[in-house]
């Protein structure tokens, strides 16, 4: 008689979950040191962070097929925690009044997006592909100017699900194009904030605000960035 051996999926090594863990670490650091400079209940927010981490660890060590994992109560709770954190950390009235540091604000937005969107990235498939770990969406380029402090860089404004500032060295980038953009941890590049990275040639406009098919995306640099992010968790 033949028996089928079922090997549990190693969710503890899935890039999507590890990048979400890194995002939570970044968010916790901002909350711990009050880096948004907003008059909010930081103790309450920190407690939500702790609950979020407990939930994420259950997900990380669940060893469930990802299709099943994306439907669990833990995933629902993770999304609810991220929504609750957004209510505290991304309050529009407080942001307008106190004008927090743009980099830290962009980092909070990135972290909450990564945590909230884990469910949908898990649904991309069982394959553990590094570029599955970040959101990639089609964005329309609405403005292009030269970087004031870097001759070979351009500052672009783009619109997809949200507006983005993206610094690029792609000389052929043009206003009106739609390109795929990987939403990555924000970075200050020669004194200017960048929130994403272009990762395709021009693509059909129908992909604006949507994740383009893999065949249209240049994944090699995204994979390298994801490997770097994940490597930090083991230091």
Protein backbone atom coordinates (compact mmCIF):
# COMPACT_ATOMS: atom_id res chain seq x y z
CA UNK A 1 0.00 0.00 0.00
CA UNK A 2 1.30 3.46 -0.95
CA UNK A 3 1.00 6.32 1.47
CA UNK A 4 1.19 9.99 0.53
CA UNK A 5 3.53 12.00 2.72
CA UNK A 6 2.26 15.55 3.21
CA UNK A 7 5.07 18.01 3.95
CA UNK A 8 3.86 21.13 5.79
CA UNK A 9 4.43 24.39 3.95
CA UNK A 10 7.20 26.36 5.62
CA UNK A 11 5.38 29.64 6.12
CA UNK A 12 8.20 30.73 8.46
CA UNK A 13 10.39 31.24 5.39
CA UNK A 14 7.83 32.76 3.05
CA UNK A 15 9.13 36.07 1.70
CA UNK A 16 5.71 37.70 1.98
CA UNK A 17 5.41 36.98 5.67
CA UNK A 18 9.04 37.93 6.36
CA UNK A 19 8.69 41.28 4.60
CA UNK A 20 5.52 41.92 6.63
CA UNK A 21 7.52 41.13 9.78
CA UNK A 22 10.20 43.61 8.73
CA UNK A 23 7.50 46.25 8.12
CA UNK A 24 6.12 45.65 11.60
CA UNK A 25 9.63 46.05 13.05
CA UNK A 26 10.00 49.38 11.25
CA UNK A 27 6.58 50.52 12.46
CA UNK A 28 7.34 49.51 16.03
CA UNK A 29 10.55 51.55 15.93
CA UNK A 30 8.65 54.67 14.81
CA UNK A 31 6.03 54.16 17.53
CA UNK A 32 8.55 53.35 20.25
CA UNK A 33 10.46 56.59 19.69
CA UNK A 34 7.42 58.76 18.81
CA UNK A 35 9.02 59.70 15.49
CA UNK A 36 5.85 61.16 13.99
CA UNK A 37 5.76 63.94 16.59
CA UNK A 38 1.97 63.75 16.87
CA UNK A 39 -0.09 64.16 20.07
CA UNK A 40 -1.55 60.66 20.14
CA UNK A 41 -1.85 57.96 22.79
CA UNK A 42 1.46 56.24 22.09
CA UNK A 43 0.97 53.61 24.80
CA UNK A 44 -2.29 52.53 23.21
CA UNK A 45 -0.69 52.40 19.78
CA UNK A 46 2.22 50.35 21.13
CA UNK A 47 -0.22 47.85 22.64
CA UNK A 48 -1.87 47.48 19.23
CA UNK A 49 1.59 46.86 17.76
CA UNK A 50 2.13 44.07 20.30
CA UNK A 51 -1.21 42.48 19.38
CA UNK A 52 -0.32 42.78 15.72
CA UNK A 53 3.00 41.02 16.28
CA UNK A 54 1.31 38.18 18.19
CA UNK A 55 -1.11 37.75 15.29
CA UNK A 56 1.66 37.83 12.68
CA UNK A 57 3.68 35.21 14.55
CA UNK A 58 0.68 32.87 14.51
CA UNK A 59 0.53 33.38 10.76
CA UNK A 60 4.28 32.88 10.35
CA UNK A 61 4.29 29.54 12.18
CA UNK A 62 0.94 28.25 10.93
CA UNK A 63 2.45 26.00 8.20
CA UNK A 64 -0.86 26.18 6.34
CA UNK A 65 -1.27 26.19 2.56
CA UNK A 66 -1.32 29.85 1.62
CA UNK A 67 -4.75 29.64 0.02
CA UNK A 68 -6.12 28.45 3.36
CA UNK A 69 -3.98 30.83 5.38
CA UNK A 70 -5.37 33.85 3.53
CA UNK A 71 -8.86 32.95 4.84
CA UNK A 72 -7.99 32.53 8.51
CA UNK A 73 -9.18 34.68 11.40
CA UNK A 74 -5.56 35.68 12.00
CA UNK A 75 -5.38 37.32 8.57
CA UNK A 76 -8.66 39.14 9.26
CA UNK A 77 -7.33 40.27 12.63
CA UNK A 78 -4.10 41.46 11.01
CA UNK A 79 -6.06 43.67 8.63
CA UNK A 80 -8.22 45.00 11.46
CA UNK A 81 -5.14 45.88 13.51
CA UNK A 82 -3.62 47.73 10.57
CA UNK A 83 -6.82 49.71 10.10
CA UNK A 84 -6.85 50.59 13.80
CA UNK A 85 -3.20 51.68 13.64
CA UNK A 86 -3.95 53.83 10.60
CA UNK A 87 -6.71 55.63 12.53
CA UNK A 88 -4.15 56.69 15.12
CA UNK A 89 -1.03 57.24 13.02
CA UNK A 90 -2.53 58.63 9.80
CA UNK A 91 -5.14 61.00 11.18
CA UNK A 92 -5.46 63.62 8.43
CA UNK A 93 -6.33 66.51 10.73
CA UNK A 94 -3.35 65.85 13.02
CA UNK A 95 -1.02 65.47 10.05
CA UNK A 96 -2.16 68.77 8.55
CA UNK A 97 -1.80 70.57 11.88
CA UNK A 98 1.54 69.18 13.09
CA UNK A 99 3.25 68.42 9.74
CA UNK A 100 5.28 65.33 10.78
CA UNK A 101 8.53 64.37 9.10
CA UNK A 102 7.70 63.27 5.50
CA UNK A 103 10.07 60.30 5.57
CA UNK A 104 8.62 58.82 8.77
CA UNK A 105 5.09 59.47 7.53
CA UNK A 106 5.87 57.69 4.25
CA UNK A 107 7.37 54.80 6.20
CA UNK A 108 4.21 54.43 8.29
CA UNK A 109 2.12 54.35 5.12
CA UNK A 110 4.40 51.73 3.57
CA UNK A 111 4.40 49.54 6.70
CA UNK A 112 0.64 49.60 7.14
CA UNK A 113 0.13 48.84 3.46
CA UNK A 114 2.48 45.84 3.65
CA UNK A 115 0.74 44.50 6.77
CA UNK A 116 -2.80 45.07 5.51
CA UNK A 117 -2.08 43.68 2.06
CA UNK A 118 -0.42 40.44 3.18
CA UNK A 119 -3.67 38.60 2.55
CA UNK A 120 -3.72 39.53 -1.12
CA UNK A 121 -0.05 38.75 -1.70
CA UNK A 122 -0.54 35.32 -0.14
CA UNK A 123 -3.25 34.74 -2.72
CA UNK A 124 -0.73 35.20 -5.57
CA UNK A 125 0.22 31.54 -5.28
CA UNK A 126 2.05 28.87 -3.29
CA UNK A 127 5.40 29.58 -4.98
CA UNK A 128 7.76 31.48 -2.69
CA UNK A 129 8.85 34.13 -5.19
CA UNK A 130 10.63 37.13 -3.63
CA UNK A 131 8.81 39.74 -5.72
CA UNK A 132 5.48 38.40 -4.43
CA UNK A 133 6.46 40.00 -1.10
CA UNK A 134 5.82 43.58 -2.22
CA UNK A 135 2.97 45.36 -3.93
CA UNK A 136 3.51 46.08 -7.61
CA UNK A 137 1.03 48.27 -9.43
CA UNK A 138 0.62 50.13 -12.66
CA UNK A 139 1.04 53.87 -12.19
CA UNK A 140 0.50 56.75 -14.56
CA UNK A 141 3.36 59.25 -14.67
CA UNK A 142 1.94 62.75 -14.33
CA UNK A 143 5.11 64.83 -13.93
CA UNK A 144 8.84 64.48 -14.57
CA UNK A 145 11.59 66.89 -13.47
CA UNK A 146 15.34 66.58 -13.08
CA UNK A 147 16.62 65.96 -9.59
CA UNK A 148 18.08 69.28 -8.37
CA UNK A 149 21.12 67.59 -6.81
CA UNK A 150 21.77 64.65 -9.13
CA UNK A 151 22.36 65.09 -12.84
CA UNK A 152 21.31 61.58 -13.87
CA UNK A 153 18.21 61.25 -11.65
CA UNK A 154 14.62 62.32 -12.22
CA UNK A 155 11.87 63.07 -9.71
CA UNK A 156 8.53 61.85 -10.99
CA UNK A 157 5.00 62.11 -9.69
CA UNK A 158 2.82 59.11 -10.43
CA UNK A 159 -0.73 58.01 -9.69
CA UNK A 160 -2.01 54.50 -9.14
CA UNK A 161 -4.04 53.37 -6.15
CA UNK A 162 -2.38 56.35 -4.41
CA UNK A 163 -0.17 59.24 -5.51
CA UNK A 164 3.57 58.51 -5.37
CA UNK A 165 6.85 60.34 -5.64
CA UNK A 166 9.34 58.11 -7.45
CA UNK A 167 12.98 58.96 -8.11
CA UNK A 168 14.48 57.11 -11.06
CA UNK A 169 17.54 57.01 -13.29
CA UNK A 170 15.49 55.84 -16.30
CA UNK A 171 16.20 58.49 -18.92
CA UNK A 172 13.27 57.45 -21.14
CA UNK A 173 10.57 57.94 -18.50
CA UNK A 174 7.86 60.25 -19.86
CA UNK A 175 4.74 62.01 -18.65
CA UNK A 176 1.60 60.10 -19.65
CA UNK A 177 3.21 56.66 -19.59
CA UNK A 178 1.94 53.83 -17.43
CA UNK A 179 4.68 51.74 -15.86
CA UNK A 180 4.81 49.10 -13.16
CA UNK A 181 6.10 50.38 -9.82
CA UNK A 182 7.23 48.30 -6.87
CA UNK A 183 6.11 49.87 -3.58
CA UNK A 184 9.22 49.69 -1.40
CA UNK A 185 10.42 51.14 1.90
CA UNK A 186 10.75 54.89 1.30
CA UNK A 187 14.24 56.30 0.84
CA UNK A 188 15.84 59.73 0.87
CA UNK A 189 17.87 60.05 -2.33
CA UNK A 190 20.06 63.15 -2.46
CA UNK A 191 17.71 64.98 -0.13
CA UNK A 192 14.46 63.97 -1.87
CA UNK A 193 11.91 61.34 -0.82
CA UNK A 194 11.21 58.34 -3.06
CA UNK A 195 8.38 55.90 -2.31
CA UNK A 196 8.69 53.29 -5.04
CA UNK A 197 10.75 52.00 -7.96
CA UNK A 198 9.79 51.64 -11.59
CA UNK A 199 10.15 48.03 -12.67
CA UNK A 200 8.93 47.85 -16.24
CA UNK A 201 8.96 49.46 -19.62
CA UNK A 202 5.73 51.29 -20.55
CA UNK A 203 2.71 49.00 -20.14
CA UNK A 204 -0.95 49.26 -21.22
CA UNK A 205 -2.91 51.92 -19.35
CA UNK A 206 -5.50 49.32 -18.31
CA UNK A 207 -3.09 48.20 -15.59
CA UNK A 208 -3.18 51.53 -13.74
CA UNK A 209 -3.93 50.76 -10.09
CA UNK A 210 -3.63 46.99 -10.69
CA UNK A 211 -0.87 44.42 -10.31
CA UNK A 212 0.45 43.77 -13.82
CA UNK A 213 1.16 40.21 -14.98
CA UNK A 214 4.61 38.88 -14.15
CA UNK A 215 5.67 38.83 -17.81
CA UNK A 216 5.51 42.66 -17.92
CA UNK A 217 7.61 43.20 -14.80
CA UNK A 218 11.40 43.30 -14.46
CA UNK A 219 11.71 41.31 -11.24
CA UNK A 220 15.47 40.90 -10.76
CA UNK A 221 16.10 44.15 -8.85
CA UNK A 222 12.93 43.67 -6.77
CA UNK A 223 14.14 40.20 -5.81
CA UNK A 224 17.50 41.63 -4.74
CA UNK A 225 15.82 44.27 -2.56
CA UNK A 226 13.56 41.66 -0.94
CA UNK A 227 16.58 39.45 -0.17
CA UNK A 228 18.22 42.45 1.52
CA UNK A 229 15.10 43.20 3.57
CA UNK A 230 14.77 39.60 4.73
CA UNK A 231 18.47 39.29 5.58
CA UNK A 232 18.05 42.03 8.22
CA UNK A 233 15.69 39.81 10.22
CA UNK A 234 18.52 37.36 10.91
CA UNK A 235 21.04 39.88 12.24
